[in-house]
Amino acid sequence: MQHDACAFARDWIDAWNSHDLTRVLAHYEDDVILTSPRAKIIVGAHDGTVRGEPALRDYFATALRKMPDLTFTLDRAYSGVNSIVVEYHTKDGRHGAEFMDFGTGGHVACVIAHYASE
């Protein structure tokens, strides 16, 4: 399944900026695996990985509570084979890129987040 990287990235960014958790989670498969250095900080995931929609919901909800003014700006979207990379920056100046691999259900099944060194 091929995705329009720019359209997906804009929708993903808009969902995050709305702070509507249901809208954000609609992008992910139920059995999603997300790995991020922020998961260690926000929910104490020792290996930086959250597995499954319930854990992802908890991670995202906690992040939105801790950062109520979180806002993303899309920098670039990169197309791959059944995957994309979304590059963005936040209102507070952090830069990140997330590799997203799509599952058979057409939603994101695997995410690996990266952040620029400060």
N, C-alpha and C. Protein backbone atom coordinates (compact mmCIF):
# COMPACT_ATOMS: atom_id res chain seq x y z
N MET A 1 0.84 -1.18 0.00
CA MET A 1 0.00 0.00 0.00
C MET A 1 0.89 1.25 0.00
N GLN A 2 0.70 2.10 -0.94
CA GLN A 2 1.50 3.33 -1.05
C GLN A 2 0.74 4.49 -0.41
N HIS A 3 1.40 5.30 0.35
CA HIS A 3 0.79 6.44 1.02
C HIS A 3 1.34 7.74 0.44
N ASP A 4 0.50 8.75 0.37
CA ASP A 4 0.94 10.09 0.00
C ASP A 4 1.59 10.67 1.26
N ALA A 5 2.91 10.73 1.27
CA ALA A 5 3.65 11.13 2.47
C ALA A 5 3.25 12.52 2.95
N CYS A 6 3.12 13.47 2.03
CA CYS A 6 2.79 14.84 2.44
C CYS A 6 1.39 14.92 3.03
N ALA A 7 0.43 14.25 2.39
CA ALA A 7 -0.95 14.28 2.89
C ALA A 7 -1.03 13.61 4.27
N PHE A 8 -0.38 12.45 4.42
CA PHE A 8 -0.37 11.77 5.70
C PHE A 8 0.27 12.64 6.77
N ALA A 9 1.44 13.21 6.44
CA ALA A 9 2.16 14.03 7.42
C ALA A 9 1.34 15.24 7.85
N ARG A 10 0.69 15.90 6.91
CA ARG A 10 -0.15 17.06 7.27
C ARG A 10 -1.29 16.64 8.19
N ASP A 11 -1.92 15.51 7.88
CA ASP A 11 -3.03 15.03 8.71
C ASP A 11 -2.54 14.63 10.09
N TRP A 12 -1.38 13.98 10.16
CA TRP A 12 -0.79 13.56 11.43
C TRP A 12 -0.45 14.77 12.29
N ILE A 13 0.18 15.78 11.68
CA ILE A 13 0.53 17.02 12.38
C ILE A 13 -0.75 17.73 12.87
N ASP A 14 -1.74 17.84 11.99
CA ASP A 14 -3.01 18.49 12.37
C ASP A 14 -3.67 17.77 13.54
N ALA A 15 -3.63 16.44 13.52
CA ALA A 15 -4.21 15.66 14.62
C ALA A 15 -3.50 15.97 15.93
N TRP A 16 -2.17 15.97 15.90
CA TRP A 16 -1.42 16.30 17.12
C TRP A 16 -1.72 17.72 17.59
N ASN A 17 -1.76 18.66 16.68
CA ASN A 17 -2.00 20.05 17.06
C ASN A 17 -3.41 20.27 17.58
N SER A 18 -4.34 19.40 17.24
CA SER A 18 -5.71 19.49 17.78
C SER A 18 -5.77 18.98 19.22
N HIS A 19 -4.76 18.21 19.63
CA HIS A 19 -4.70 17.56 20.95
C HIS A 19 -5.87 16.60 21.15
N ASP A 20 -6.45 16.13 20.06
CA ASP A 20 -7.54 15.16 20.09
C ASP A 20 -6.92 13.76 20.03
N LEU A 21 -6.84 13.11 21.17
CA LEU A 21 -6.14 11.84 21.28
C LEU A 21 -6.75 10.77 20.36
N THR A 22 -8.05 10.74 20.22
CA THR A 22 -8.70 9.78 19.34
C THR A 22 -8.27 10.00 17.89
N ARG A 23 -8.19 11.25 17.51
CA ARG A 23 -7.75 11.59 16.15
C ARG A 23 -6.29 11.20 15.92
N VAL A 24 -5.45 11.42 16.90
CA VAL A 24 -4.03 11.03 16.78
C VAL A 24 -3.92 9.51 16.66
N LEU A 25 -4.60 8.79 17.54
CA LEU A 25 -4.49 7.34 17.58
C LEU A 25 -5.07 6.67 16.33
N ALA A 26 -5.94 7.36 15.61
CA ALA A 26 -6.53 6.80 14.39
C ALA A 26 -5.48 6.50 13.32
N HIS A 27 -4.28 7.02 13.46
CA HIS A 27 -3.22 6.79 12.49
C HIS A 27 -2.49 5.46 12.72
N TYR A 28 -2.76 4.79 13.83
CA TYR A 28 -1.95 3.64 14.24
C TYR A 28 -2.74 2.34 14.27
N GLU A 29 -2.03 1.23 13.99
CA GLU A 29 -2.58 -0.11 14.13
C GLU A 29 -2.77 -0.41 15.62
N ASP A 30 -3.66 -1.34 15.95
CA ASP A 30 -3.89 -1.72 17.34
C ASP A 30 -2.65 -2.35 17.98
N ASP A 31 -1.84 -3.03 17.18
CA ASP A 31 -0.65 -3.71 17.71
C ASP A 31 0.63 -2.92 17.42
N VAL A 32 0.52 -1.62 17.32
CA VAL A 32 1.65 -0.74 17.01
C VAL A 32 2.79 -0.90 18.01
N ILE A 33 3.99 -0.71 17.51
CA ILE A 33 5.19 -0.67 18.36
C ILE A 33 5.87 0.66 18.08
N LEU A 34 6.07 1.45 19.12
CA LEU A 34 6.72 2.75 19.00
C LEU A 34 7.94 2.78 19.89
N THR A 35 9.07 3.21 19.31
CA THR A 35 10.31 3.35 20.06
C THR A 35 10.75 4.80 19.98
N SER A 36 10.98 5.40 21.15
CA SER A 36 11.34 6.81 21.21
C SER A 36 12.11 7.10 22.49
N PRO A 37 13.15 7.93 22.40
CA PRO A 37 13.83 8.35 23.63
C PRO A 37 12.88 9.06 24.58
N ARG A 38 11.83 9.70 24.05
CA ARG A 38 10.88 10.43 24.89
C ARG A 38 10.02 9.46 25.72
N ALA A 39 9.81 8.24 25.24
CA ALA A 39 9.03 7.26 26.00
C ALA A 39 9.71 6.91 27.32
N LYS A 40 11.05 6.93 27.31
CA LYS A 40 11.78 6.71 28.56
C LYS A 40 11.46 7.82 29.56
N ILE A 41 11.44 9.05 29.08
CA ILE A 41 11.23 10.22 29.93
C ILE A 41 9.78 10.34 30.38
N ILE A 42 8.86 10.18 29.45
CA ILE A 42 7.45 10.49 29.72
C ILE A 42 6.74 9.39 30.49
N VAL A 43 6.94 8.12 30.11
CA VAL A 43 6.24 7.04 30.80
C VAL A 43 7.18 6.02 31.43
N GLY A 44 8.48 6.31 31.43
CA GLY A 44 9.43 5.43 32.08
C GLY A 44 9.65 4.10 31.39
N ALA A 45 9.41 4.03 30.08
CA ALA A 45 9.65 2.79 29.34
C ALA A 45 11.16 2.55 29.32
N HIS A 46 11.61 1.54 30.04
CA HIS A 46 13.06 1.33 30.22
C HIS A 46 13.81 1.17 28.91
N ASP A 47 13.17 0.56 27.89
CA ASP A 47 13.83 0.39 26.60
C ASP A 47 13.36 1.40 25.56
N GLY A 48 12.55 2.37 26.00
CA GLY A 48 12.06 3.41 25.09
C GLY A 48 10.96 2.93 24.16
N THR A 49 10.40 1.76 24.43
CA THR A 49 9.41 1.18 23.53
C THR A 49 8.06 1.01 24.23
N VAL A 50 7.01 1.40 23.51
CA VAL A 50 5.64 1.12 23.96
C VAL A 50 5.01 0.20 22.92
N ARG A 51 4.24 -0.75 23.41
CA ARG A 51 3.68 -1.79 22.53
C ARG A 51 2.17 -1.85 22.69
N GLY A 52 1.48 -1.70 21.57
CA GLY A 52 0.02 -1.83 21.55
C GLY A 52 -0.68 -0.51 21.79
N GLU A 53 -1.91 -0.45 21.31
CA GLU A 53 -2.68 0.80 21.39
C GLU A 53 -2.92 1.27 22.82
N PRO A 54 -3.23 0.40 23.78
CA PRO A 54 -3.43 0.91 25.15
C PRO A 54 -2.19 1.61 25.71
N ALA A 55 -1.01 1.04 25.49
CA ALA A 55 0.23 1.66 25.97
C ALA A 55 0.52 2.94 25.21
N LEU A 56 0.23 2.94 23.91
CA LEU A 56 0.44 4.14 23.10
C LEU A 56 -0.50 5.26 23.56
N ARG A 57 -1.74 4.90 23.85
CA ARG A 57 -2.72 5.88 24.35
C ARG A 57 -2.22 6.50 25.65
N ASP A 58 -1.72 5.66 26.56
CA ASP A 58 -1.21 6.16 27.84
C ASP A 58 -0.02 7.10 27.62
N TYR A 59 0.89 6.70 26.75
CA TYR A 59 2.07 7.51 26.45
C TYR A 59 1.66 8.87 25.88
N PHE A 60 0.82 8.86 24.87
CA PHE A 60 0.40 10.11 24.23
C PHE A 60 -0.41 10.99 25.19
N ALA A 61 -1.31 10.38 25.96
CA ALA A 61 -2.12 11.16 26.91
C ALA A 61 -1.24 11.81 27.97
N THR A 62 -0.26 11.07 28.46
CA THR A 62 0.67 11.61 29.45
C THR A 62 1.49 12.75 28.85
N ALA A 63 1.95 12.56 27.62
CA ALA A 63 2.73 13.61 26.95
C ALA A 63 1.90 14.88 26.79
N LEU A 64 0.65 14.74 26.38
CA LEU A 64 -0.20 15.92 26.19
C LEU A 64 -0.50 16.61 27.52
N ARG A 65 -0.62 15.84 28.61
CA ARG A 65 -0.83 16.44 29.94
C ARG A 65 0.42 17.20 30.38
N LYS A 66 1.59 16.63 30.14
CA LYS A 66 2.84 17.25 30.56
C LYS A 66 3.22 18.45 29.70
N MET A 67 2.73 18.46 28.46
CA MET A 67 3.07 19.54 27.51
C MET A 67 1.78 20.07 26.87
N PRO A 68 0.96 20.77 27.64
CA PRO A 68 -0.36 21.18 27.12
C PRO A 68 -0.31 22.15 25.94
N ASP A 69 0.82 22.77 25.71
CA ASP A 69 0.94 23.70 24.57
C ASP A 69 1.75 23.09 23.43
N LEU A 70 1.89 21.75 23.41
CA LEU A 70 2.65 21.07 22.37
C LEU A 70 2.08 21.40 20.99
N THR A 71 2.93 21.88 20.11
CA THR A 71 2.55 22.21 18.74
C THR A 71 3.67 21.77 17.81
N PHE A 72 3.29 21.07 16.73
CA PHE A 72 4.24 20.62 15.72
C PHE A 72 4.12 21.46 14.46
N THR A 73 5.23 21.67 13.78
CA THR A 73 5.25 22.26 12.45
C THR A 73 5.95 21.27 11.53
N LEU A 74 5.31 20.94 10.42
CA LEU A 74 5.87 20.01 9.46
C LEU A 74 7.02 20.66 8.71
N ASP A 75 8.16 20.00 8.68
CA ASP A 75 9.30 20.46 7.89
C ASP A 75 9.36 19.73 6.55
N ARG A 76 9.32 18.39 6.60
CA ARG A 76 9.38 17.59 5.38
C ARG A 76 8.72 16.24 5.63
N ALA A 77 8.28 15.62 4.54
CA ALA A 77 7.80 14.25 4.57
C ALA A 77 8.52 13.49 3.48
N TYR A 78 8.99 12.31 3.81
CA TYR A 78 9.75 11.48 2.89
C TYR A 78 8.99 10.19 2.62
N SER A 79 8.88 9.82 1.35
CA SER A 79 8.21 8.58 0.96
C SER A 79 9.20 7.43 0.92
N GLY A 80 8.74 6.27 1.34
CA GLY A 80 9.54 5.05 1.25
C GLY A 80 8.67 3.94 0.69
N VAL A 81 9.12 2.72 0.83
CA VAL A 81 8.35 1.56 0.41
C VAL A 81 7.50 1.14 1.60
N ASN A 82 6.21 1.46 1.52
CA ASN A 82 5.26 1.17 2.60
C ASN A 82 5.65 1.86 3.92
N SER A 83 6.38 2.96 3.80
CA SER A 83 6.80 3.70 4.98
C SER A 83 6.99 5.17 4.62
N ILE A 84 7.02 5.99 5.64
CA ILE A 84 7.33 7.40 5.46
C ILE A 84 8.20 7.86 6.63
N VAL A 85 8.81 9.01 6.45
CA VAL A 85 9.49 9.71 7.54
C VAL A 85 8.87 11.10 7.60
N VAL A 86 8.45 11.48 8.79
CA VAL A 86 7.90 12.82 9.02
C VAL A 86 8.92 13.59 9.83
N GLU A 87 9.39 14.69 9.26
CA GLU A 87 10.35 15.57 9.93
C GLU A 87 9.60 16.83 10.38
N TYR A 88 9.82 17.22 11.63
CA TYR A 88 9.06 18.33 12.19
C TYR A 88 9.88 19.07 13.24
N HIS A 89 9.34 20.19 13.68
CA HIS A 89 9.89 20.86 14.86
C HIS A 89 8.73 21.30 15.74
N THR A 90 9.03 21.49 17.00
CA THR A 90 8.01 21.89 17.97
C THR A 90 8.14 23.38 18.28
N LYS A 91 7.09 23.89 18.88
CA LYS A 91 7.06 25.31 19.23
C LYS A 91 8.22 25.70 20.14
N ASP A 92 8.66 24.75 20.98
CA ASP A 92 9.76 25.06 21.90
C ASP A 92 11.14 24.79 21.30
N GLY A 93 11.20 24.53 19.98
CA GLY A 93 12.48 24.46 19.30
C GLY A 93 13.10 23.08 19.14
N ARG A 94 12.41 22.02 19.59
CA ARG A 94 12.95 20.67 19.40
C ARG A 94 12.69 20.22 17.96
N HIS A 95 13.65 19.49 17.38
CA HIS A 95 13.52 18.96 16.03
C HIS A 95 13.49 17.44 16.10
N GLY A 96 12.60 16.85 15.30
CA GLY A 96 12.49 15.40 15.30
C GLY A 96 12.12 14.86 13.94
N ALA A 97 12.30 13.56 13.80
CA ALA A 97 11.87 12.84 12.61
C ALA A 97 11.41 11.46 13.07
N GLU A 98 10.29 11.02 12.49
CA GLU A 98 9.75 9.73 12.86
C GLU A 98 9.60 8.86 11.62
N PHE A 99 10.26 7.70 11.67
CA PHE A 99 10.10 6.68 10.64
C PHE A 99 8.84 5.92 10.99
N MET A 100 7.93 5.80 10.03
CA MET A 100 6.66 5.11 10.25
C MET A 100 6.48 4.06 9.17
N ASP A 101 6.33 2.82 9.60
CA ASP A 101 6.12 1.69 8.69
C ASP A 101 4.65 1.30 8.80
N PHE A 102 4.00 1.13 7.65
CA PHE A 102 2.57 0.84 7.64
C PHE A 102 2.32 -0.66 7.68
N GLY A 103 1.31 -1.05 8.45
CA GLY A 103 0.92 -2.46 8.56
C GLY A 103 -0.09 -2.84 7.51
N THR A 104 -0.53 -4.08 7.59
CA THR A 104 -1.48 -4.59 6.60
C THR A 104 -2.84 -3.92 6.69
N GLY A 105 -3.15 -3.31 7.83
CA GLY A 105 -4.41 -2.59 7.98
C GLY A 105 -4.37 -1.18 7.41
N GLY A 106 -3.22 -0.77 6.88
CA GLY A 106 -3.10 0.54 6.26
C GLY A 106 -2.76 1.66 7.22
N HIS A 107 -2.53 1.30 8.49
CA HIS A 107 -2.16 2.30 9.49
C HIS A 107 -0.73 2.04 9.96
N VAL A 108 -0.20 2.94 10.74
CA VAL A 108 1.19 2.82 11.20
C VAL A 108 1.31 1.65 12.17
N ALA A 109 2.23 0.73 11.85
CA ALA A 109 2.45 -0.45 12.68
C ALA A 109 3.72 -0.33 13.52
N CYS A 110 4.68 0.44 13.02
CA CYS A 110 5.96 0.59 13.71
C CYS A 110 6.44 2.03 13.55
N VAL A 111 6.88 2.60 14.65
CA VAL A 111 7.40 3.97 14.66
C VAL A 111 8.75 3.95 15.37
N ILE A 112 9.72 4.63 14.76
CA ILE A 112 10.99 4.85 15.44
C ILE A 112 11.25 6.35 15.38
N ALA A 113 11.22 6.98 16.55
CA ALA A 113 11.37 8.45 16.63
C ALA A 113 12.83 8.80 16.89
N HIS A 114 13.23 9.90 16.27
CA HIS A 114 14.59 10.43 16.41
C HIS A 114 14.51 11.92 16.70
N TYR A 115 15.44 12.40 17.50
CA TYR A 115 15.45 13.83 17.85
C TYR A 115 16.85 14.40 17.66
N ALA A 116 16.91 15.65 17.22
CA ALA A 116 18.18 16.31 17.02
C ALA A 116 18.88 16.51 18.36
N SER A 117 20.17 16.36 18.35
CA SER A 117 20.97 16.60 19.55
C SER A 117 20.96 18.09 19.85
N GLU A 118 20.93 18.39 21.12
CA GLU A 118 20.92 19.80 21.52
C GLU A 118 22.31 20.33 21.65
